Amino acid sequence: MDSIDDLLAQLKAEYEEVQPKQQPKSNPAKSFIQSAKKSGSLIDNLLAEVKANFADQDAAEELKRQQELEQQRIQQEKLKAKQIEALRVQAKEWLAKLDPFSSEGLWFERFAERYSSKLEAAIEYLQNN
């Protein structure tokens, strides 16, 4: 008989664990306030998530803008380098044709004294004229 009593006690214990415990009836106003607090925290969480998403978007747009500016700067530097190289070729040709004993050649000799090379002086001269 002990085994039957033990078996019944075990079944009763399992049954009581499975059955939800009834909660005493609470005040409707109190439950409304609690659900409002839960809703408020959900809204706060949603707002924080939306704010974080906007911040991420802003950061991504700023990064894209910085990258575009960097690309523009690189393009401008390449263009400037091409222009300087074209001036260098033009200056070499101009120097080759310049008669050092002409009035322009004598003037250029004096002008070039301020520069480290005649080519640099010729580039500066052609760039400004």
N, C-alpha and C. Protein backbone atom coordinates (compact mmCIF):
# COMPACT_ATOMS: atom_id res chain seq x y z
N MET A 1 0.79 -1.19 0.00
CA MET A 1 0.00 0.00 0.00
C MET A 1 0.84 1.26 0.00
N ASP A 2 1.95 1.16 0.62
CA ASP A 2 2.82 2.32 0.65
C ASP A 2 3.20 2.75 -0.76
N SER A 3 3.39 1.81 -1.62
CA SER A 3 3.79 2.16 -2.98
C SER A 3 2.66 2.86 -3.71
N ILE A 4 1.41 2.47 -3.44
CA ILE A 4 0.28 3.15 -4.07
C ILE A 4 0.17 4.57 -3.51
N ASP A 5 0.32 4.70 -2.20
CA ASP A 5 0.27 6.04 -1.60
C ASP A 5 1.40 6.92 -2.13
N ASP A 6 2.56 6.32 -2.28
CA ASP A 6 3.70 7.07 -2.83
C ASP A 6 3.41 7.49 -4.27
N LEU A 7 2.85 6.55 -5.02
CA LEU A 7 2.54 6.84 -6.42
C LEU A 7 1.49 7.93 -6.50
N LEU A 8 0.46 7.90 -5.66
CA LEU A 8 -0.57 8.93 -5.64
C LEU A 8 0.01 10.29 -5.23
N ALA A 9 0.86 10.29 -4.26
CA ALA A 9 1.49 11.53 -3.81
C ALA A 9 2.35 12.14 -4.92
N GLN A 10 3.03 11.27 -5.63
CA GLN A 10 3.88 11.73 -6.73
C GLN A 10 3.01 12.32 -7.84
N LEU A 11 1.92 11.65 -8.20
CA LEU A 11 1.02 12.16 -9.23
C LEU A 11 0.41 13.49 -8.81
N LYS A 12 0.02 13.59 -7.54
CA LYS A 12 -0.57 14.83 -7.03
C LYS A 12 0.45 15.98 -7.11
N ALA A 13 1.68 15.69 -6.77
CA ALA A 13 2.72 16.72 -6.81
C ALA A 13 2.95 17.18 -8.26
N GLU A 14 3.01 16.23 -9.20
CA GLU A 14 3.19 16.59 -10.62
C GLU A 14 2.01 17.39 -11.13
N TYR A 15 0.80 17.00 -10.71
CA TYR A 15 -0.41 17.71 -11.14
C TYR A 15 -0.41 19.15 -10.64
N GLU A 16 0.00 19.33 -9.40
CA GLU A 16 0.02 20.67 -8.83
C GLU A 16 1.08 21.55 -9.49
N GLU A 17 2.18 20.95 -9.94
CA GLU A 17 3.22 21.72 -10.64
C GLU A 17 2.73 22.17 -12.01
N VAL A 18 1.94 21.30 -12.67
CA VAL A 18 1.45 21.62 -14.01
C VAL A 18 0.34 22.66 -13.95
N GLN A 19 -0.50 22.61 -12.96
CA GLN A 19 -1.62 23.55 -12.84
C GLN A 19 -1.09 24.95 -12.54
N PRO A 20 -1.56 25.94 -13.30
CA PRO A 20 -1.14 27.31 -12.98
C PRO A 20 -1.76 27.74 -11.67
N LYS A 21 -0.96 28.42 -10.94
CA LYS A 21 -1.44 28.91 -9.65
C LYS A 21 -2.32 30.12 -9.90
N GLN A 22 -3.47 30.09 -9.33
CA GLN A 22 -4.39 31.21 -9.51
C GLN A 22 -3.89 32.40 -8.69
N GLN A 23 -3.89 33.53 -9.38
CA GLN A 23 -3.47 34.74 -8.69
C GLN A 23 -4.70 35.42 -8.13
N PRO A 24 -4.54 36.01 -7.01
CA PRO A 24 -5.70 36.73 -6.46
C PRO A 24 -6.06 37.88 -7.38
N LYS A 25 -7.32 38.19 -7.43
CA LYS A 25 -7.78 39.26 -8.31
C LYS A 25 -7.16 40.57 -7.84
N SER A 26 -6.61 41.28 -8.85
CA SER A 26 -5.96 42.54 -8.50
C SER A 26 -6.86 43.70 -8.85
N ASN A 27 -6.46 44.83 -8.40
CA ASN A 27 -7.18 46.06 -8.64
C ASN A 27 -7.04 46.43 -10.12
N PRO A 28 -8.14 46.68 -10.88
CA PRO A 28 -8.03 47.01 -12.30
C PRO A 28 -7.19 48.28 -12.54
N ALA A 29 -7.29 49.24 -11.68
CA ALA A 29 -6.51 50.47 -11.85
C ALA A 29 -5.02 50.17 -11.72
N LYS A 30 -4.70 49.31 -10.77
CA LYS A 30 -3.29 48.96 -10.57
C LYS A 30 -2.75 48.21 -11.78
N SER A 31 -3.53 47.28 -12.34
CA SER A 31 -3.05 46.54 -13.50
C SER A 31 -2.93 47.46 -14.72
N PHE A 32 -3.82 48.47 -14.83
CA PHE A 32 -3.73 49.43 -15.93
C PHE A 32 -2.45 50.24 -15.82
N ILE A 33 -2.11 50.67 -14.62
CA ILE A 33 -0.89 51.44 -14.40
C ILE A 33 0.34 50.59 -14.73
N GLN A 34 0.30 49.32 -14.31
CA GLN A 34 1.44 48.45 -14.60
C GLN A 34 1.58 48.23 -16.10
N SER A 35 0.46 48.01 -16.81
CA SER A 35 0.55 47.82 -18.26
C SER A 35 0.97 49.10 -18.95
N ALA A 36 0.56 50.26 -18.42
CA ALA A 36 0.99 51.54 -18.99
C ALA A 36 2.49 51.71 -18.81
N LYS A 37 3.00 51.30 -17.65
CA LYS A 37 4.45 51.39 -17.43
C LYS A 37 5.19 50.48 -18.40
N LYS A 38 4.64 49.28 -18.60
CA LYS A 38 5.28 48.36 -19.54
C LYS A 38 5.22 48.93 -20.95
N SER A 39 4.08 49.51 -21.33
CA SER A 39 3.94 50.12 -22.65
C SER A 39 4.88 51.29 -22.80
N GLY A 40 5.02 52.08 -21.72
CA GLY A 40 5.93 53.22 -21.76
C GLY A 40 7.36 52.78 -21.98
N SER A 41 7.76 51.71 -21.33
CA SER A 41 9.13 51.23 -21.52
C SER A 41 9.29 50.66 -22.92
N LEU A 42 8.24 50.04 -23.46
CA LEU A 42 8.31 49.54 -24.85
C LEU A 42 8.45 50.70 -25.82
N ILE A 43 7.68 51.77 -25.58
CA ILE A 43 7.76 52.95 -26.44
C ILE A 43 9.14 53.58 -26.32
N ASP A 44 9.65 53.68 -25.10
CA ASP A 44 11.00 54.23 -24.90
C ASP A 44 12.03 53.39 -25.65
N ASN A 45 11.88 52.07 -25.58
CA ASN A 45 12.82 51.20 -26.30
C ASN A 45 12.72 51.39 -27.80
N LEU A 46 11.47 51.50 -28.30
CA LEU A 46 11.29 51.73 -29.73
C LEU A 46 11.87 53.07 -30.16
N LEU A 47 11.63 54.10 -29.35
CA LEU A 47 12.18 55.42 -29.67
C LEU A 47 13.71 55.40 -29.66
N ALA A 48 14.26 54.72 -28.70
CA ALA A 48 15.73 54.62 -28.64
C ALA A 48 16.26 53.88 -29.86
N GLU A 49 15.55 52.85 -30.28
CA GLU A 49 15.98 52.09 -31.46
C GLU A 49 15.89 52.94 -32.73
N VAL A 50 14.80 53.70 -32.86
CA VAL A 50 14.64 54.59 -34.02
C VAL A 50 15.74 55.65 -34.01
N LYS A 51 16.01 56.21 -32.83
CA LYS A 51 17.06 57.23 -32.71
C LYS A 51 18.42 56.64 -33.10
N ALA A 52 18.69 55.42 -32.67
CA ALA A 52 19.96 54.77 -33.02
C ALA A 52 20.04 54.53 -34.52
N ASN A 53 18.91 54.15 -35.13
CA ASN A 53 18.90 53.93 -36.58
C ASN A 53 19.19 55.22 -37.33
N PHE A 54 18.59 56.33 -36.87
CA PHE A 54 18.86 57.62 -37.51
C PHE A 54 20.32 58.02 -37.33
N ALA A 55 20.86 57.77 -36.16
CA ALA A 55 22.26 58.09 -35.91
C ALA A 55 23.16 57.27 -36.83
N ASP A 56 22.83 56.00 -37.02
CA ASP A 56 23.61 55.15 -37.93
C ASP A 56 23.52 55.66 -39.35
N GLN A 57 22.31 56.05 -39.77
CA GLN A 57 22.13 56.59 -41.12
C GLN A 57 22.93 57.87 -41.30
N ASP A 58 22.87 58.74 -40.31
CA ASP A 58 23.62 60.00 -40.38
C ASP A 58 25.12 59.72 -40.48
N ALA A 59 25.60 58.78 -39.70
CA ALA A 59 27.02 58.44 -39.74
C ALA A 59 27.40 57.87 -41.10
N ALA A 60 26.54 57.03 -41.67
CA ALA A 60 26.82 56.44 -42.98
C ALA A 60 26.83 57.52 -44.06
N GLU A 61 25.89 58.47 -43.98
CA GLU A 61 25.85 59.56 -44.95
C GLU A 61 27.07 60.46 -44.82
N GLU A 62 27.50 60.72 -43.61
CA GLU A 62 28.69 61.55 -43.39
C GLU A 62 29.93 60.86 -43.94
N LEU A 63 30.04 59.56 -43.72
CA LEU A 63 31.16 58.80 -44.26
C LEU A 63 31.15 58.84 -45.78
N LYS A 64 29.98 58.68 -46.38
CA LYS A 64 29.86 58.73 -47.84
C LYS A 64 30.27 60.10 -48.36
N ARG A 65 29.83 61.15 -47.67
CA ARG A 65 30.18 62.52 -48.08
C ARG A 65 31.69 62.74 -47.98
N GLN A 66 32.30 62.25 -46.91
CA GLN A 66 33.75 62.38 -46.75
C GLN A 66 34.48 61.63 -47.86
N GLN A 67 33.99 60.45 -48.21
CA GLN A 67 34.62 59.68 -49.28
C GLN A 67 34.49 60.39 -50.61
N GLU A 68 33.33 60.99 -50.86
CA GLU A 68 33.14 61.75 -52.10
C GLU A 68 34.08 62.95 -52.16
N LEU A 69 34.22 63.65 -51.04
CA LEU A 69 35.14 64.79 -50.99
C LEU A 69 36.58 64.35 -51.24
N GLU A 70 36.95 63.21 -50.67
CA GLU A 70 38.31 62.69 -50.87
C GLU A 70 38.52 62.34 -52.34
N GLN A 71 37.51 61.73 -52.97
CA GLN A 71 37.62 61.39 -54.40
C GLN A 71 37.77 62.66 -55.24
N GLN A 72 37.00 63.70 -54.90
CA GLN A 72 37.11 64.97 -55.62
C GLN A 72 38.51 65.57 -55.46
N ARG A 73 39.04 65.50 -54.25
CA ARG A 73 40.38 66.05 -54.01
C ARG A 73 41.42 65.30 -54.83
N ILE A 74 41.30 63.99 -54.87
CA ILE A 74 42.24 63.17 -55.64
C ILE A 74 42.13 63.51 -57.12
N GLN A 75 40.90 63.67 -57.63
CA GLN A 75 40.71 64.02 -59.05
C GLN A 75 41.33 65.38 -59.35
N GLN A 76 41.15 66.33 -58.43
CA GLN A 76 41.72 67.66 -58.63
C GLN A 76 43.25 67.62 -58.63
N GLU A 77 43.81 66.81 -57.75
CA GLU A 77 45.28 66.68 -57.72
C GLU A 77 45.80 66.05 -59.01
N LYS A 78 45.08 65.05 -59.53
CA LYS A 78 45.49 64.42 -60.79
C LYS A 78 45.41 65.42 -61.94
N LEU A 79 44.33 66.21 -61.96
CA LEU A 79 44.17 67.21 -63.00
C LEU A 79 45.28 68.26 -62.92
N LYS A 80 45.59 68.70 -61.71
CA LYS A 80 46.65 69.69 -61.52
C LYS A 80 48.00 69.12 -61.96
N ALA A 81 48.26 67.86 -61.64
CA ALA A 81 49.52 67.22 -62.04
C ALA A 81 49.61 67.15 -63.57
N LYS A 82 48.49 66.85 -64.23
CA LYS A 82 48.49 66.81 -65.70
C LYS A 82 48.77 68.19 -66.28
N GLN A 83 48.15 69.20 -65.67
CA GLN A 83 48.36 70.56 -66.15
C GLN A 83 49.81 70.99 -65.97
N ILE A 84 50.40 70.64 -64.84
CA ILE A 84 51.80 71.00 -64.59
C ILE A 84 52.71 70.26 -65.57
N GLU A 85 52.40 69.00 -65.84
CA GLU A 85 53.22 68.24 -66.79
C GLU A 85 53.11 68.84 -68.20
N ALA A 86 51.89 69.26 -68.57
CA ALA A 86 51.71 69.91 -69.88
C ALA A 86 52.50 71.22 -69.92
N LEU A 87 52.48 71.99 -68.83
CA LEU A 87 53.26 73.23 -68.77
C LEU A 87 54.76 72.95 -68.84
N ARG A 88 55.18 71.85 -68.21
CA ARG A 88 56.60 71.47 -68.23
C ARG A 88 57.05 71.19 -69.68
N VAL A 89 56.23 70.46 -70.42
CA VAL A 89 56.55 70.16 -71.82
C VAL A 89 56.58 71.45 -72.63
N GLN A 90 55.57 72.28 -72.41
CA GLN A 90 55.50 73.57 -73.13
C GLN A 90 56.70 74.44 -72.78
N ALA A 91 57.11 74.45 -71.50
CA ALA A 91 58.25 75.27 -71.07
C ALA A 91 59.55 74.77 -71.69
N LYS A 92 59.71 73.45 -71.78
CA LYS A 92 60.92 72.90 -72.43
C LYS A 92 60.99 73.33 -73.88
N GLU A 93 59.85 73.26 -74.56
CA GLU A 93 59.82 73.68 -75.96
C GLU A 93 60.13 75.17 -76.09
N TRP A 94 59.56 75.97 -75.22
CA TRP A 94 59.77 77.42 -75.25
C TRP A 94 61.24 77.76 -75.00
N LEU A 95 61.85 77.06 -74.01
CA LEU A 95 63.26 77.29 -73.71
C LEU A 95 64.15 76.89 -74.89
N ALA A 96 63.77 75.81 -75.57
CA ALA A 96 64.57 75.36 -76.71
C ALA A 96 64.54 76.38 -77.84
N LYS A 97 63.44 77.08 -78.01
CA LYS A 97 63.29 78.06 -79.08
C LYS A 97 63.80 79.45 -78.69
N LEU A 98 64.01 79.67 -77.39
CA LEU A 98 64.39 81.00 -76.91
C LEU A 98 65.84 81.32 -77.30
N ASP A 99 66.02 82.45 -77.95
CA ASP A 99 67.37 82.93 -78.30
C ASP A 99 67.92 83.66 -77.08
N PRO A 100 68.97 83.13 -76.43
CA PRO A 100 69.48 83.75 -75.21
C PRO A 100 70.03 85.15 -75.42
N PHE A 101 70.33 85.54 -76.66
CA PHE A 101 70.89 86.87 -76.92
C PHE A 101 69.86 87.88 -77.40
N SER A 102 68.59 87.42 -77.52
CA SER A 102 67.53 88.35 -77.90
C SER A 102 67.12 89.14 -76.66
N SER A 103 66.33 90.18 -76.89
CA SER A 103 65.89 90.98 -75.74
C SER A 103 65.04 90.14 -74.79
N GLU A 104 64.22 89.24 -75.35
CA GLU A 104 63.42 88.36 -74.50
C GLU A 104 64.32 87.38 -73.76
N GLY A 105 65.33 86.85 -74.43
CA GLY A 105 66.26 85.92 -73.81
C GLY A 105 67.05 86.57 -72.68
N LEU A 106 67.52 87.81 -72.89
CA LEU A 106 68.25 88.53 -71.86
C LEU A 106 67.33 88.85 -70.67
N TRP A 107 66.07 89.24 -71.00
CA TRP A 107 65.12 89.52 -69.92
C TRP A 107 64.86 88.25 -69.10
N PHE A 108 64.71 87.14 -69.82
CA PHE A 108 64.41 85.88 -69.15
C PHE A 108 65.57 85.44 -68.25
N GLU A 109 66.79 85.67 -68.68
CA GLU A 109 67.95 85.32 -67.85
C GLU A 109 67.88 86.02 -66.49
N ARG A 110 67.53 87.29 -66.52
CA ARG A 110 67.41 88.04 -65.26
C ARG A 110 66.22 87.54 -64.44
N PHE A 111 65.10 87.23 -65.14
CA PHE A 111 63.90 86.72 -64.48
C PHE A 111 64.19 85.38 -63.81
N ALA A 112 64.94 84.52 -64.46
CA ALA A 112 65.21 83.16 -63.99
C ALA A 112 66.16 83.13 -62.80
N GLU A 113 66.84 84.22 -62.51
CA GLU A 113 67.79 84.25 -61.39
C GLU A 113 67.10 83.98 -60.05
N ARG A 114 65.82 84.29 -59.96
CA ARG A 114 65.09 84.09 -58.71
C ARG A 114 64.62 82.65 -58.51
N TYR A 115 64.81 81.79 -59.50
CA TYR A 115 64.31 80.41 -59.44
C TYR A 115 65.47 79.43 -59.38
N SER A 116 65.17 78.22 -58.94
CA SER A 116 66.22 77.21 -58.80
C SER A 116 66.67 76.65 -60.15
N SER A 117 65.81 76.76 -61.17
CA SER A 117 66.20 76.31 -62.52
C SER A 117 65.49 77.16 -63.56
N LYS A 118 66.04 77.14 -64.75
CA LYS A 118 65.41 77.88 -65.84
C LYS A 118 64.06 77.26 -66.20
N LEU A 119 63.97 75.94 -66.08
CA LEU A 119 62.70 75.26 -66.38
C LEU A 119 61.61 75.72 -65.42
N GLU A 120 61.94 75.80 -64.14
CA GLU A 120 60.97 76.28 -63.15
C GLU A 120 60.55 77.71 -63.46
N ALA A 121 61.48 78.54 -63.84
CA ALA A 121 61.18 79.93 -64.19
C ALA A 121 60.30 79.98 -65.43
N ALA A 122 60.59 79.15 -66.41
CA ALA A 122 59.80 79.13 -67.65
C ALA A 122 58.37 78.66 -67.37
N ILE A 123 58.23 77.66 -66.50
CA ILE A 123 56.88 77.19 -66.12
C ILE A 123 56.10 78.31 -65.46
N GLU A 124 56.72 79.00 -64.54
CA GLU A 124 56.06 80.11 -63.84
C GLU A 124 55.69 81.21 -64.83
N TYR A 125 56.59 81.53 -65.73
CA TYR A 125 56.35 82.59 -66.73
C TYR A 125 55.17 82.21 -67.64
N LEU A 126 55.18 80.97 -68.14
CA LEU A 126 54.12 80.53 -69.05
C LEU A 126 52.79 80.38 -68.32
N GLN A 127 52.83 80.02 -67.08
CA GLN A 127 51.62 79.83 -66.30
C GLN A 127 50.91 81.16 -66.09
N ASN A 128 51.64 82.22 -65.93
CA ASN A 128 51.05 83.53 -65.65
C ASN A 128 50.81 84.36 -66.91
N ASN A 129 51.24 83.90 -68.04
CA ASN A 129 51.04 84.65 -69.30
C ASN A 129 50.19 83.89 -70.28
